[in-house]
Amino acid sequence: MVDYDRIRRGLMDRPQTTDELFIRTFARVHAVACGVACSIVLGCGVFWATAALVVKGGEEVGPNLILLAQYFPGYSVTWQGSVIGGAYGLLFGFIGGWGLASLRNLTVTIYLHAVRLWANLSAEHFLDRFDN
């Protein structure tokens, strides 16, 4: 696919340095944005799962979903519990998404520093400095 905006700006003719290529390839994940996205998904998921079971009704409502009460104090398979579960989902979704993005960024940073160090040591013939 041709990127016409880059052609108009003259960026296609300019060769990219290795650092620019690495920066574009291994771009950082915004931890807060990932946390917000995960919190919305998990919060809505718990809320709608509980709400669906409440609407469905029956003698024994949500025997499996009630196990969330072990982790979420105050949660139950009721309308009030769906709101409480949604709030817990928002909280734990944000913590999980933020932690996942931060861990990914840290791992990529360590990896890129290791690659750069290894490239510098091998390119400069590190041991040749000590032959004087």
C-alpha atoms as a PDB file:
ATOM      1  CA  MET A   1       0.000   0.000   0.000  1.00  0.00           C
ATOM      2  CA  VAL A   2       1.395   3.392  -0.978  1.00  0.00           C
ATOM      3  CA  ASP A   3       1.491   6.134   1.649  1.00  0.00           C
ATOM      4  CA  TYR A   4       0.819   9.260  -0.420  1.00  0.00           C
ATOM      5  CA  ASP A   5       1.161  11.631   2.541  1.00  0.00           C
ATOM      6  CA  ARG A   6       4.748  10.490   3.106  1.00  0.00           C
ATOM      7  CA  ILE A   7       5.517  10.857  -0.605  1.00  0.00           C
ATOM      8  CA  ARG A   8       4.204  14.449  -0.598  1.00  0.00           C
ATOM      9  CA  ARG A   9       6.310  15.317   2.439  1.00  0.00           C
ATOM     10  CA  GLY A  10       9.372  13.742   0.861  1.00  0.00           C
ATOM     11  CA  LEU A  11       9.849  11.173   3.601  1.00  0.00           C
ATOM     12  CA  MET A  12       9.963   8.156   1.295  1.00  0.00           C
ATOM     13  CA  ASP A  13      13.313   9.178  -0.169  1.00  0.00           C
ATOM     14  CA  ARG A  14      14.985   9.714   3.190  1.00  0.00           C
ATOM     15  CA  PRO A  15      16.615   6.534   4.527  1.00  0.00           C
ATOM     16  CA  GLN A  16      15.664   5.660   8.079  1.00  0.00           C
ATOM     17  CA  THR A  17      18.328   5.157  10.682  1.00  0.00           C
ATOM     18  CA  THR A  18      18.353   2.007  12.749  1.00  0.00           C
ATOM     19  CA  ASP A  19      17.220   3.933  15.814  1.00  0.00           C
ATOM     20  CA  GLU A  20      14.238   5.407  13.962  1.00  0.00           C
ATOM     21  CA  LEU A  21      13.296   1.970  12.699  1.00  0.00           C
ATOM     22  CA  PHE A  22      13.477   0.478  16.207  1.00  0.00           C
ATOM     23  CA  ILE A  23      11.455   3.339  17.676  1.00  0.00           C
ATOM     24  CA  ARG A  24       8.689   2.868  15.108  1.00  0.00           C
ATOM     25  CA  THR A  25       8.719  -0.920  15.344  1.00  0.00           C
ATOM     26  CA  PHE A  26       8.781  -1.186  19.132  1.00  0.00           C
ATOM     27  CA  ALA A  27       6.644   1.820  20.024  1.00  0.00           C
ATOM     28  CA  ARG A  28       5.670   2.165  23.659  1.00  0.00           C
ATOM     29  CA  VAL A  29       2.177   1.193  24.743  1.00  0.00           C
ATOM     30  CA  HIS A  30       0.438   3.973  26.670  1.00  0.00           C
ATOM     31  CA  ALA A  31      -0.141   2.332  30.046  1.00  0.00           C
ATOM     32  CA  VAL A  32      -3.064   4.519  31.121  1.00  0.00           C
ATOM     33  CA  ALA A  33      -4.848   4.045  27.791  1.00  0.00           C
ATOM     34  CA  CYS A  34      -4.390   0.281  28.004  1.00  0.00           C
ATOM     35  CA  GLY A  35      -5.641   0.343  31.596  1.00  0.00           C
ATOM     36  CA  VAL A  36      -8.735   2.334  30.667  1.00  0.00           C
ATOM     37  CA  ALA A  37      -9.502   0.035  27.729  1.00  0.00           C
ATOM     38  CA  CYS A  38      -9.134  -3.113  29.845  1.00  0.00           C
ATOM     39  CA  SER A  39     -11.197  -1.610  32.653  1.00  0.00           C
ATOM     40  CA  ILE A  40     -14.058  -0.775  30.308  1.00  0.00           C
ATOM     41  CA  VAL A  41     -14.034  -4.276  28.834  1.00  0.00           C
ATOM     42  CA  LEU A  42     -13.862  -6.065  32.195  1.00  0.00           C
ATOM     43  CA  GLY A  43     -16.303  -3.728  33.953  1.00  0.00           C
ATOM     44  CA  CYS A  44     -18.909  -3.987  31.207  1.00  0.00           C
ATOM     45  CA  GLY A  45     -18.320  -7.731  30.937  1.00  0.00           C
ATOM     46  CA  VAL A  46     -19.038  -8.390  34.614  1.00  0.00           C
ATOM     47  CA  PHE A  47     -21.989  -6.001  34.621  1.00  0.00           C
ATOM     48  CA  TRP A  48     -23.635  -7.491  31.517  1.00  0.00           C
ATOM     49  CA  ALA A  49     -22.934 -11.090  32.537  1.00  0.00           C
ATOM     50  CA  THR A  50     -24.633 -10.495  35.863  1.00  0.00           C
ATOM     51  CA  ALA A  51     -27.478  -8.502  34.315  1.00  0.00           C
ATOM     52  CA  ALA A  52     -28.123 -11.275  31.783  1.00  0.00           C
ATOM     53  CA  LEU A  53     -28.429 -13.838  34.557  1.00  0.00           C
ATOM     54  CA  VAL A  54     -30.734 -11.594  36.585  1.00  0.00           C
ATOM     55  CA  VAL A  55     -33.002 -11.055  33.580  1.00  0.00           C
ATOM     56  CA  LYS A  56     -32.978 -14.795  32.828  1.00  0.00           C
ATOM     57  CA  GLY A  57     -34.054 -15.554  36.388  1.00  0.00           C
ATOM     58  CA  GLY A  58     -34.889 -19.025  37.605  1.00  0.00           C
ATOM     59  CA  GLU A  59     -34.652 -20.977  40.847  1.00  0.00           C
ATOM     60  CA  GLU A  60     -30.893 -20.852  41.183  1.00  0.00           C
ATOM     61  CA  VAL A  61     -29.498 -17.744  39.501  1.00  0.00           C
ATOM     62  CA  GLY A  62     -25.820 -17.821  38.539  1.00  0.00           C
ATOM     63  CA  PRO A  63     -24.320 -20.673  40.578  1.00  0.00           C
ATOM     64  CA  ASN A  64     -20.963 -20.159  38.855  1.00  0.00           C
ATOM     65  CA  LEU A  65     -20.934 -16.375  38.727  1.00  0.00           C
ATOM     66  CA  ILE A  66     -21.671 -16.119  42.447  1.00  0.00           C
ATOM     67  CA  LEU A  67     -18.116 -17.377  42.983  1.00  0.00           C
ATOM     68  CA  LEU A  68     -16.961 -13.836  42.141  1.00  0.00           C
ATOM     69  CA  ALA A  69     -18.174 -12.916  45.625  1.00  0.00           C
ATOM     70  CA  GLN A  70     -15.063 -14.700  46.917  1.00  0.00           C
ATOM     71  CA  TYR A  71     -12.935 -12.019  45.231  1.00  0.00           C
ATOM     72  CA  PHE A  72     -15.335  -9.066  45.139  1.00  0.00           C
ATOM     73  CA  PRO A  73     -16.783  -8.344  48.616  1.00  0.00           C
ATOM     74  CA  GLY A  74     -20.408  -7.227  48.353  1.00  0.00           C
ATOM     75  CA  TYR A  75     -20.972  -8.856  44.959  1.00  0.00           C
ATOM     76  CA  SER A  76     -24.077 -10.954  44.358  1.00  0.00           C
ATOM     77  CA  VAL A  77     -26.110 -11.988  41.306  1.00  0.00           C
ATOM     78  CA  THR A  78     -28.615  -9.141  41.630  1.00  0.00           C
ATOM     79  CA  TRP A  79     -29.012  -5.733  40.026  1.00  0.00           C
ATOM     80  CA  GLN A  80     -27.116  -4.145  42.891  1.00  0.00           C
ATOM     81  CA  GLY A  81     -24.454  -6.839  42.578  1.00  0.00           C
ATOM     82  CA  SER A  82     -24.086  -6.162  38.855  1.00  0.00           C
ATOM     83  CA  VAL A  83     -23.240  -2.524  39.604  1.00  0.00           C
ATOM     84  CA  ILE A  84     -20.803  -3.565  42.357  1.00  0.00           C
ATOM     85  CA  GLY A  85     -19.254  -6.180  40.063  1.00  0.00           C
ATOM     86  CA  GLY A  86     -18.959  -3.632  37.275  1.00  0.00           C
ATOM     87  CA  ALA A  87     -17.139  -1.258  39.621  1.00  0.00           C
ATOM     88  CA  TYR A  88     -14.765  -4.021  40.696  1.00  0.00           C
ATOM     89  CA  GLY A  89     -14.271  -4.901  37.031  1.00  0.00           C
ATOM     90  CA  LEU A  90     -13.344  -1.291  36.282  1.00  0.00           C
ATOM     91  CA  LEU A  91     -10.832  -1.229  39.129  1.00  0.00           C
ATOM     92  CA  PHE A  92      -9.171  -4.583  38.479  1.00  0.00           C
ATOM     93  CA  GLY A  93      -9.314  -4.131  34.712  1.00  0.00           C
ATOM     94  CA  PHE A  94      -7.415  -0.859  35.000  1.00  0.00           C
ATOM     95  CA  ILE A  95      -4.818  -2.349  37.335  1.00  0.00           C
ATOM     96  CA  GLY A  96      -4.358  -5.370  35.061  1.00  0.00           C
ATOM     97  CA  GLY A  97      -4.182  -3.374  31.821  1.00  0.00           C
ATOM     98  CA  TRP A  98      -1.826  -0.785  33.270  1.00  0.00           C
ATOM     99  CA  GLY A  99       0.401  -3.496  34.725  1.00  0.00           C
ATOM    100  CA  LEU A 100       0.435  -5.471  31.477  1.00  0.00           C
ATOM    101  CA  ALA A 101       1.360  -2.409  29.390  1.00  0.00           C
ATOM    102  CA  SER A 102       4.040  -1.337  31.876  1.00  0.00           C
ATOM    103  CA  LEU A 103       5.543  -4.820  31.955  1.00  0.00           C
ATOM    104  CA  ARG A 104       5.546  -4.960  28.154  1.00  0.00           C
ATOM    105  CA  ASN A 105       7.233  -1.555  27.920  1.00  0.00           C
ATOM    106  CA  LEU A 106       9.858  -2.560  30.478  1.00  0.00           C
ATOM    107  CA  THR A 107      10.569  -5.838  28.685  1.00  0.00           C
ATOM    108  CA  VAL A 108      10.932  -4.152  25.290  1.00  0.00           C
ATOM    109  CA  THR A 109      13.184  -1.443  26.774  1.00  0.00           C
ATOM    110  CA  ILE A 110      15.485  -3.999  28.394  1.00  0.00           C
ATOM    111  CA  TYR A 111      15.576  -6.036  25.186  1.00  0.00           C
ATOM    112  CA  LEU A 112      16.440  -3.022  23.013  1.00  0.00           C
ATOM    113  CA  HIS A 113      19.178  -1.887  25.398  1.00  0.00           C
ATOM    114  CA  ALA A 114      20.637  -5.396  25.364  1.00  0.00           C
ATOM    115  CA  VAL A 115      20.557  -5.485  21.552  1.00  0.00           C
ATOM    116  CA  ARG A 116      22.197  -2.074  21.324  1.00  0.00           C
ATOM    117  CA  LEU A 117      24.885  -3.054  23.851  1.00  0.00           C
ATOM    118  CA  TRP A 118      25.568  -6.325  22.033  1.00  0.00           C
ATOM    119  CA  ALA A 119      25.785  -4.509  18.681  1.00  0.00           C
ATOM    120  CA  ASN A 120      28.185  -1.903  20.075  1.00  0.00           C
ATOM    121  CA  LEU A 121      30.430  -4.497  21.678  1.00  0.00           C
ATOM    122  CA  SER A 122      30.610  -6.672  18.575  1.00  0.00           C
ATOM    123  CA  ALA A 123      30.950  -3.800  16.078  1.00  0.00           C
ATOM    124  CA  GLU A 124      33.812  -2.056  17.861  1.00  0.00           C
ATOM    125  CA  HIS A 125      35.862  -5.212  18.392  1.00  0.00           C
ATOM    126  CA  PHE A 126      35.745  -4.731  22.113  1.00  0.00           C
ATOM    127  CA  LEU A 127      38.851  -6.778  22.927  1.00  0.00           C
ATOM    128  CA  ASP A 128      41.030  -4.921  20.387  1.00  0.00           C
ATOM    129  CA  ARG A 129      41.176  -1.962  22.772  1.00  0.00           C
ATOM    130  CA  PHE A 130      43.235  -3.966  25.219  1.00  0.00           C
ATOM    131  CA  ASP A 131      45.977  -5.027  22.739  1.00  0.00           C
ATOM    132  CA  ASN A 132      48.016  -1.819  23.091  1.00  0.00           C
END
